[in-house]
Structures are given as C-alpha cells and as structure tokens.
Amino acid sequence: MSNTTGMNTKNTGVNLLWEENVEELTDVQHSSQDFSSDGTVLESDFTTFGSVFRWPQPGGKGSPVNVTYSYSDLFDGEIQGDLSNTEIKSAIEEAFDLWADYVPLNFVEIRDVGDKTPKNLDAADIRIGHEFLGGRGGTLGRASLTTASGELATTVNFDNADEWALTASGFKFNFLEVAVHEIGHALGLNHESGKPAIMNPSVQNRYSGLGTAFLLPDDINGIQSIYGQGKGSLDPLGGQPAPTPAPTPTPAP
C-alpha cells in the first residue's frame, strides 16, 4: 500500500494535501506523508496507519519500546537557510523528546549505516536526511514508512530547496514544527483535520524557537491510542554533528 500526503506553502501557513494511491506489492508495504503547498483537506479526524505501521510493542500498550534513529545526509550543508548543524540536531532531538513525554518510546541515536532492510538490520529504525521535494514553495518534508518481511523502517526527509529557520518568517519555514509533524508520521500517526493538532494538514507556525515545541490534546490522544500512556526517553550520541563525508570516488578501471 502506498499513501502520499502533500504540504503546500502559503504566507499564512502550509497546507497539506492528502491523496491515496493503492498499489499491490508482494511482501512490501509503503506509506509516505508529505508537506506541500496549495490544497484542500480530505481527512476528518486523527487516524493512524493501523497495526502495520507502528513500532512493535510485545509487552502491550504502555510497555517500553526502543526505537533507533540516525542521520543520513542531514548535516552535509544542503539544508537551506541560516540553521547551523547544531541547531538542526537540537530541533530533531526536541521533536523526539516531545513525543517521548507522552508514550513509552525510548529513542536511541546510532551511527548511520544506510537504509534498514532485511539484509541490513543493524541500521536505524528511523533515518533522517534531506531530498529535493519539488522545489521552493512545494513539498517541505516527507516521512516514508516501509515494512518488508516483518521489519518496519522509516525515513524522514526535509526539502533541500526551501528555506528553513527556527522561527518562520516570509518564505522561511519552521524546521522544528515540521520535524515534530513528520516524526509523528514516522511513529504511525496520520493527519488530523477536524481538531487543532500539530498533525493538522496545515502548519500554523505555532513554535517560536528551540524549547517551544508542544503537542495538542488530539496529538496526545492519537499517539497514546497506538502505544498507551507512559514516559519514554531520548539518548542522543554526544559531540557536535559532523558533516556527511563525501562519497569516495570509484577508481577508473
């Protein structure tokens, strides 16, 4: 199954389009959530992706779950705007920590070793980076969830053509709010359009810098409907984020 959601940019906010494409795959299911620029809202209440797109919780709701994350190319200088790598990393950590305040998810940063596949199970559960998502004023972010052979893997990518800041202004978009929203998708939440929520299909620029992120009651109800109530944790790797090394050229034969 493939789900695609778009978020479009306007001066007054960022609207998310929802459209669904269903595709038959053998043992692979895929869902993606985007931020894009111009559209209508088709979702009517908070929804989840169901049991397929949730992190396994053998002990049942309310029991601890460890979820690993890593950074692919987020620190290679391709994110536009005036954010330092330290600010970018701090925003991602604040987003994870916020969700962990309400559910027993323990987020653990590990070194990046590529995409998680059945042949690369040491890779992170959630891999964070950037990609070109339609150019300026188009898609801002995308969370993609894939399960193959019983293994769930997700990626969160930020558009490398849009301008980013910690406080939105003009055509600079709020990196922290998009991070919270996209990580919500990576945890199994769909869009909410019937009630105020960070998971709304429209970004309201509710945050004003590091330390200002929050969830609204519908976000909390949604995530707790998946994992139950509890308190998680954040365990990032120490040190400053290093730029992603350039790939080593392959010698000519």
Protein backbone atom coordinates (compact mmCIF):
# COMPACT_ATOMS: atom_id res chain seq x y z
CA MET A 1 0.00 0.00 0.00
CA SER A 2 1.25 3.46 -0.81
CA ASN A 3 -0.14 6.61 0.78
CA THR A 4 1.04 10.07 -0.22
CA THR A 5 0.35 13.32 1.58
CA GLY A 6 1.40 16.76 0.39
CA MET A 7 2.00 20.04 2.15
CA ASN A 8 1.94 23.30 0.17
CA THR A 9 3.31 26.71 1.07
CA LYS A 10 1.45 29.98 1.56
CA ASN A 11 2.38 33.09 3.51
CA THR A 12 -0.32 32.33 6.07
CA GLY A 13 0.71 28.75 6.62
CA VAL A 14 1.43 25.49 4.92
CA ASN A 15 -1.40 23.29 3.73
CA LEU A 16 -1.15 19.54 3.44
CA LEU A 17 -2.82 17.68 0.62
CA TRP A 18 -3.97 14.15 1.20
CA GLU A 19 -4.34 11.71 -1.62
CA GLU A 20 -4.14 7.96 -1.57
CA ASN A 21 -2.76 5.57 -4.11
CA VAL A 22 -3.16 1.85 -3.56
CA GLU A 23 -0.55 -0.39 -5.10
CA GLU A 24 -0.28 -4.14 -4.80
CA LEU A 25 3.17 -5.25 -3.63
CA THR A 26 4.37 -8.72 -2.71
CA ASP A 27 5.60 -8.53 0.87
CA VAL A 28 6.37 -4.83 1.00
CA GLN A 29 4.02 -2.10 2.14
CA HIS A 30 4.90 1.57 1.90
CA SER A 31 3.33 4.78 3.15
CA SER A 32 4.60 8.33 2.83
CA GLN A 33 3.49 11.63 4.31
CA ASP A 34 4.45 14.95 2.72
CA PHE A 35 4.13 18.64 3.42
CA SER A 36 3.19 20.58 0.22
CA SER A 37 1.62 23.87 -0.99
CA ASP A 38 -1.94 24.71 -2.19
CA GLY A 39 -4.65 22.26 -1.47
CA THR A 40 -7.68 21.01 0.26
CA VAL A 41 -8.01 18.86 3.34
CA LEU A 42 -9.64 15.46 2.99
CA GLU A 43 -9.04 13.92 6.41
CA SER A 44 -11.69 14.39 9.09
CA ASP A 45 -10.25 13.07 12.37
CA PHE A 46 -7.00 11.81 13.81
CA THR A 47 -6.16 8.49 12.24
CA THR A 48 -3.33 6.01 12.46
CA PHE A 49 -1.82 3.76 9.83
CA GLY A 50 -3.01 0.70 11.75
CA SER A 51 -1.04 -2.17 13.22
CA VAL A 52 1.27 -2.50 10.20
CA PHE A 53 2.86 0.92 10.68
CA ARG A 54 3.59 1.01 14.40
CA TRP A 55 6.68 0.03 16.31
CA PRO A 56 6.32 -3.47 17.82
CA GLN A 57 5.31 -3.48 21.46
CA PRO A 58 5.44 -7.12 22.62
CA GLY A 59 4.51 -6.16 26.18
CA GLY A 60 1.32 -4.45 25.07
CA LYS A 61 0.28 -0.81 25.26
CA GLY A 62 2.09 1.13 27.95
CA SER A 63 5.21 -1.06 27.84
CA PRO A 64 8.63 0.33 26.80
CA VAL A 65 9.71 0.32 23.17
CA ASN A 66 13.23 1.12 21.92
CA VAL A 67 13.35 2.95 18.58
CA THR A 68 16.70 3.81 17.00
CA TYR A 69 17.37 6.75 14.72
CA SER A 70 20.28 8.04 12.66
CA TYR A 71 21.16 10.89 10.33
CA SER A 72 21.91 10.12 6.70
CA ASP A 73 22.89 13.36 4.94
CA LEU A 74 21.17 15.99 7.10
CA PHE A 75 24.44 17.71 8.05
CA ASP A 76 26.08 17.97 4.62
CA GLY A 77 25.26 21.68 4.19
CA GLU A 78 22.42 21.20 1.71
CA ILE A 79 19.67 22.37 4.08
CA GLN A 80 18.88 25.94 3.02
CA GLY A 81 18.53 28.85 5.45
CA ASP A 82 20.54 30.04 8.40
CA LEU A 83 20.36 26.97 10.65
CA SER A 84 23.60 25.54 11.99
CA ASN A 85 24.04 21.77 12.19
CA THR A 86 23.89 22.08 15.97
CA GLU A 87 20.50 23.84 15.74
CA ILE A 88 19.20 21.25 13.29
CA LYS A 89 20.24 18.40 15.60
CA SER A 90 18.77 20.18 18.62
CA ALA A 91 15.44 20.59 16.82
CA ILE A 92 15.31 16.90 15.91
CA GLU A 93 16.13 15.91 19.48
CA GLU A 94 13.46 18.24 20.85
CA ALA A 95 10.92 16.67 18.50
CA PHE A 96 11.75 13.13 19.61
CA ASP A 97 11.82 14.14 23.27
CA LEU A 98 8.40 15.76 22.93
CA TRP A 99 6.73 12.58 21.71
CA ALA A 100 8.57 10.62 24.42
CA ASP A 101 6.92 12.81 27.05
CA TYR A 102 3.59 11.08 26.38
CA VAL A 103 4.35 7.49 25.34
CA PRO A 104 6.93 4.90 26.48
CA LEU A 105 9.14 5.21 23.40
CA ASN A 106 12.88 5.28 24.08
CA PHE A 107 14.64 6.98 21.17
CA VAL A 108 18.29 5.98 20.79
CA GLU A 109 20.62 7.60 18.26
CA ILE A 110 23.04 5.25 16.50
CA ARG A 111 25.65 5.69 13.80
CA ASP A 112 24.22 5.71 10.31
CA VAL A 113 24.90 2.55 8.29
CA GLY A 114 22.41 3.03 5.47
CA ASP A 115 18.78 2.12 4.96
CA LYS A 116 17.24 -0.58 7.09
CA THR A 117 16.48 -3.68 5.02
CA PRO A 118 16.12 -7.39 5.80
CA LYS A 119 19.84 -7.64 4.89
CA ASN A 120 20.85 -4.60 6.96
CA LEU A 121 19.03 -4.99 10.25
CA ASP A 122 21.71 -3.06 12.17
CA ALA A 123 20.52 0.16 10.51
CA ALA A 124 18.38 2.67 12.37
CA ASP A 125 14.62 2.32 12.57
CA ILE A 126 14.19 6.00 11.60
CA ARG A 127 16.67 7.58 9.19
CA ILE A 128 16.67 11.38 8.86
CA GLY A 129 18.01 13.37 5.94
CA HIS A 130 17.04 15.65 3.08
CA GLU A 131 15.96 15.37 -0.54
CA PHE A 132 14.61 17.54 -3.33
CA LEU A 133 10.84 17.56 -2.85
CA GLY A 134 9.54 19.75 -5.66
CA GLY A 135 11.47 22.98 -5.26
CA ARG A 136 10.80 26.19 -3.37
CA GLY A 137 7.23 26.56 -2.23
CA GLY A 138 6.50 22.91 -2.83
CA THR A 139 6.77 19.92 -0.54
CA LEU A 140 8.53 20.69 2.75
CA GLY A 141 9.01 17.28 4.29
CA ARG A 142 8.27 13.62 3.81
CA ALA A 143 8.03 10.68 6.16
CA SER A 144 8.09 7.30 4.44
CA LEU A 145 7.24 4.07 6.22
CA THR A 146 8.09 0.71 4.73
CA THR A 147 7.64 -2.80 6.04
CA ALA A 148 9.18 -5.80 4.35
CA SER A 149 9.39 -9.33 5.72
CA GLY A 150 8.05 -8.10 9.04
CA GLU A 151 10.68 -5.37 9.50
CA LEU A 152 9.47 -1.76 9.77
CA ALA A 153 11.75 1.05 8.58
CA THR A 154 11.07 4.75 8.16
CA THR A 155 12.77 7.78 6.67
CA VAL A 156 12.14 11.45 7.37
CA ASN A 157 13.41 13.90 4.76
CA PHE A 158 13.32 17.69 4.66
CA ASP A 159 13.15 19.59 1.38
CA ASN A 160 16.59 20.91 0.45
CA ALA A 161 15.17 23.63 -1.81
CA ASP A 162 13.11 25.51 0.79
CA GLU A 163 14.50 27.97 3.33
CA TRP A 164 14.46 26.84 6.95
CA ALA A 165 14.54 28.67 10.28
CA LEU A 166 13.60 28.06 13.90
CA THR A 167 11.04 30.86 13.70
CA ALA A 168 9.05 31.07 10.47
CA SER A 169 9.12 34.36 8.58
CA GLY A 170 8.37 35.19 4.99
CA PHE A 171 9.29 32.12 2.99
CA LYS A 172 11.41 30.57 5.73
CA PHE A 173 9.65 27.59 7.24
CA ASN A 174 9.63 26.33 10.81
CA PHE A 175 12.04 23.40 10.91
CA LEU A 176 11.04 22.37 14.44
CA GLU A 177 7.32 22.16 13.70
CA VAL A 178 7.88 20.17 10.51
CA ALA A 179 10.19 17.84 12.47
CA VAL A 180 7.56 17.19 15.15
CA HIS A 181 4.90 16.61 12.49
CA GLU A 182 6.96 14.25 10.34
CA ILE A 183 8.21 12.25 13.31
CA GLY A 184 4.56 11.89 14.31
CA HIS A 185 4.00 10.20 10.96
CA ALA A 186 7.09 8.02 11.48
CA LEU A 187 5.51 6.81 14.73
CA GLY A 188 2.29 5.80 12.99
CA LEU A 189 0.05 8.89 13.07
CA ASN A 190 -1.88 10.06 10.04
CA HIS A 191 -3.29 13.55 9.51
CA GLU A 192 -5.91 15.25 11.68
CA SER A 193 -8.07 17.93 10.11
CA GLY A 194 -11.12 18.03 12.37
CA LYS A 195 -9.46 19.35 15.53
CA PRO A 196 -6.46 21.58 16.33
CA ALA A 197 -3.30 19.45 16.22
CA ILE A 198 0.33 19.56 15.22
CA MET A 199 -0.72 16.69 12.94
CA ASN A 200 -3.14 19.03 11.13
CA PRO A 201 -2.74 19.14 7.36
CA SER A 202 -1.87 22.83 7.79
CA VAL A 203 1.18 24.12 9.59
CA GLN A 204 0.26 27.05 11.81
CA ASN A 205 3.79 28.11 12.80
CA ARG A 206 2.94 27.56 16.44
CA TYR A 207 6.55 27.35 17.64
CA SER A 208 8.95 30.25 18.06
CA GLY A 209 12.35 28.63 18.51
CA LEU A 210 14.09 25.83 20.34
CA GLY A 211 12.38 24.93 23.60
CA THR A 212 8.90 25.99 22.45
CA ALA A 213 7.55 22.75 20.93
CA PHE A 214 4.34 21.26 22.32
CA LEU A 215 1.63 18.80 21.36
CA LEU A 216 -2.10 19.48 21.43
CA PRO A 217 -4.64 17.16 23.09
CA ASP A 218 -5.57 15.44 19.83
CA ASP A 219 -1.90 14.65 19.09
CA ILE A 220 -1.54 13.15 22.55
CA ASN A 221 -4.75 11.13 22.25
CA GLY A 222 -3.62 9.86 18.86
CA ILE A 223 -0.16 8.70 19.88
CA GLN A 224 -1.43 7.17 23.14
CA SER A 225 -4.07 5.26 21.19
CA ILE A 226 -1.17 3.46 19.50
CA TYR A 227 1.34 2.97 22.33
CA GLY A 228 -0.59 3.64 25.53
CA GLN A 229 0.36 6.08 28.26
CA GLY A 230 3.86 6.27 29.64
CA LYS A 231 7.11 8.18 29.66
CA GLY A 232 9.89 7.48 27.19
CA SER A 233 13.40 8.85 26.84
CA LEU A 234 15.96 10.29 24.44
CA ASP A 235 19.53 9.02 24.18
CA PRO A 236 21.45 11.02 21.55
CA LEU A 237 25.07 10.47 20.62
CA GLY A 238 27.40 13.03 22.14
CA GLY A 239 29.51 15.58 20.33
CA GLN A 240 28.84 18.02 17.55
CA PRO A 241 27.15 16.79 14.37
CA ALA A 242 29.78 16.19 11.73
CA PRO A 243 29.19 16.99 8.06
CA THR A 244 28.31 13.95 5.99
CA PRO A 245 31.51 12.77 4.29
CA ALA A 246 31.56 12.91 0.52
CA PRO A 247 31.39 9.53 -1.19
CA THR A 248 34.73 8.06 -2.20
CA PRO A 249 35.14 8.14 -5.99
CA THR A 250 35.35 4.76 -7.65
CA PRO A 251 38.73 4.34 -9.37
CA ALA A 252 38.57 4.13 -13.12
CA PRO A 253 39.19 0.62 -14.45
